[in-house]
Structure formats: C-alpha cells, structure tokens
Amino acid sequence: MNESNEQGEPKKSDSKSSDARQVYRDLAPYLTLGFQLAAAVIVFFLIGWWLDTRYDTSPWFKLVGLLLGSVGGMVKFFRSVSMLNKQDHS
C-alpha cells in the first residue's frame, strides 16, 4: 500500500526507495561481471591443477589453465560490457 499526502502524491520515502531499487536494478548486470571473470580464472586454474596432479606435469597445466581462464574471462568481460553499453544507449 502506497501512502499518499493530501495532494495524492506518493510519500518522499517511497520515491527514494523506488529510486534506490532502480539504481540497483540498473547496476546488477555490471556487478556480476567481476564474479564471472574470477570464476573463469579459478575454474580453468583448477582444471589445470587437476591435470597436473593426474599426469605429474606441474606447473604446466596450471599455467595453461590460468592463461586460458584469464584470456577467456577478459574476452567475456569485454563482450558483456560492450553489449550492456549498447543496451544503455538504445
């Protein structure tokens, strides 16, 4: 229930909370980008670690996994940012 003042306008506290929710809604896609990048690096590093322990090739698969995760994560990061910017400007 939205409370109104005598002129039928919503209370200022309602509009402030609504504005804050809108800001969070607009920022949410950007806030997830860091998690996506970190997840790509960690997952590929862990795959490399597993391969190194399995084939006793330390540290080569870890380094390859770290490199692949970093490059793949950055590519995904920049593509996502580019797509989000296009949506914002449309």
Protein backbone atom coordinates (compact mmCIF):
# COMPACT_ATOMS: atom_id res chain seq x y z
CA MET A 1 0.00 0.00 0.00
CA ASN A 2 1.40 3.34 -1.01
CA GLU A 3 0.53 6.11 1.34
CA SER A 4 -0.20 9.49 -0.18
CA ASN A 5 -0.12 13.00 1.10
CA GLU A 6 -3.10 15.33 0.81
CA GLN A 7 -2.39 16.10 -2.86
CA GLY A 8 -2.40 12.41 -3.81
CA GLU A 9 1.37 12.28 -4.40
CA PRO A 10 3.38 9.35 -3.04
CA LYS A 11 5.41 9.96 0.08
CA LYS A 12 9.00 11.05 -0.49
CA SER A 13 10.35 7.99 1.32
CA ASP A 14 8.52 5.75 -1.18
CA SER A 15 10.05 7.55 -4.14
CA LYS A 16 13.54 7.40 -2.59
CA SER A 17 13.32 3.66 -2.02
CA SER A 18 11.94 3.23 -5.52
CA ASP A 19 14.85 5.25 -6.92
CA ALA A 20 17.34 3.14 -4.95
CA ARG A 21 15.79 -0.07 -6.25
CA GLN A 22 16.03 1.24 -9.81
CA VAL A 23 19.71 2.09 -9.34
CA TYR A 24 20.43 -1.43 -8.03
CA ARG A 25 18.45 -2.93 -10.90
CA ASP A 26 20.48 -0.90 -13.40
CA LEU A 27 23.81 -1.80 -11.77
CA ALA A 28 23.17 -5.52 -11.24
CA PRO A 29 24.48 -6.69 -14.64
CA TYR A 30 27.71 -4.76 -14.11
CA LEU A 31 28.20 -6.11 -10.59
CA THR A 32 28.19 -9.69 -11.85
CA LEU A 33 30.99 -9.10 -14.35
CA GLY A 34 33.73 -9.32 -11.73
CA PHE A 35 32.36 -12.62 -10.45
CA GLN A 36 32.23 -14.01 -13.98
CA LEU A 37 35.85 -13.06 -14.63
CA ALA A 38 37.05 -14.51 -11.33
CA ALA A 39 35.06 -17.72 -11.88
CA ALA A 40 36.59 -18.28 -15.33
CA VAL A 41 40.13 -17.87 -13.98
CA ILE A 42 39.51 -20.10 -10.96
CA VAL A 43 37.74 -22.87 -12.89
CA PHE A 44 40.43 -23.11 -15.57
CA PHE A 45 43.20 -22.97 -12.95
CA LEU A 46 41.55 -25.82 -11.02
CA ILE A 47 41.24 -27.88 -14.21
CA GLY A 48 44.95 -27.29 -14.81
CA TRP A 49 45.76 -28.26 -11.23
CA TRP A 50 43.77 -31.49 -11.62
CA LEU A 51 45.55 -32.32 -14.89
CA ASP A 52 48.94 -31.59 -13.29
CA THR A 53 48.24 -33.94 -10.40
CA ARG A 54 46.95 -36.62 -12.74
CA TYR A 55 49.84 -36.50 -15.23
CA ASP A 56 52.59 -35.19 -12.89
CA THR A 57 53.38 -32.23 -15.15
CA SER A 58 53.37 -29.44 -12.56
CA PRO A 59 53.16 -26.44 -13.17
CA TRP A 60 52.44 -26.54 -16.91
CA PHE A 61 48.72 -27.31 -16.97
CA LYS A 62 48.13 -24.85 -14.12
CA LEU A 63 49.84 -22.12 -16.13
CA VAL A 64 47.92 -23.01 -19.28
CA GLY A 65 44.67 -23.06 -17.29
CA LEU A 66 45.48 -19.71 -15.72
CA LEU A 67 46.25 -18.22 -19.13
CA LEU A 68 43.13 -19.67 -20.79
CA GLY A 69 40.92 -18.59 -17.90
CA SER A 70 42.34 -15.08 -17.92
CA VAL A 71 42.04 -14.61 -21.68
CA GLY A 72 38.61 -16.23 -21.90
CA GLY A 73 37.36 -14.30 -18.88
CA MET A 74 38.58 -10.99 -20.30
CA VAL A 75 37.01 -11.69 -23.70
CA LYS A 76 33.68 -12.48 -22.00
CA PHE A 77 34.07 -9.40 -19.78
CA PHE A 78 34.62 -7.01 -22.70
CA ARG A 79 31.84 -8.56 -24.79
CA SER A 80 29.41 -8.26 -21.87
CA VAL A 81 30.39 -4.64 -21.21
CA SER A 82 30.02 -3.81 -24.89
CA MET A 83 26.58 -5.45 -25.03
CA LEU A 84 25.44 -3.67 -21.84
CA ASN A 85 26.64 -0.30 -23.18
CA LYS A 86 24.73 -0.86 -26.42
CA GLN A 87 21.58 -1.62 -24.43
CA ASP A 88 22.06 1.52 -22.32
CA HIS A 89 22.47 3.75 -25.37
CA SER A 90 19.46 2.37 -27.26
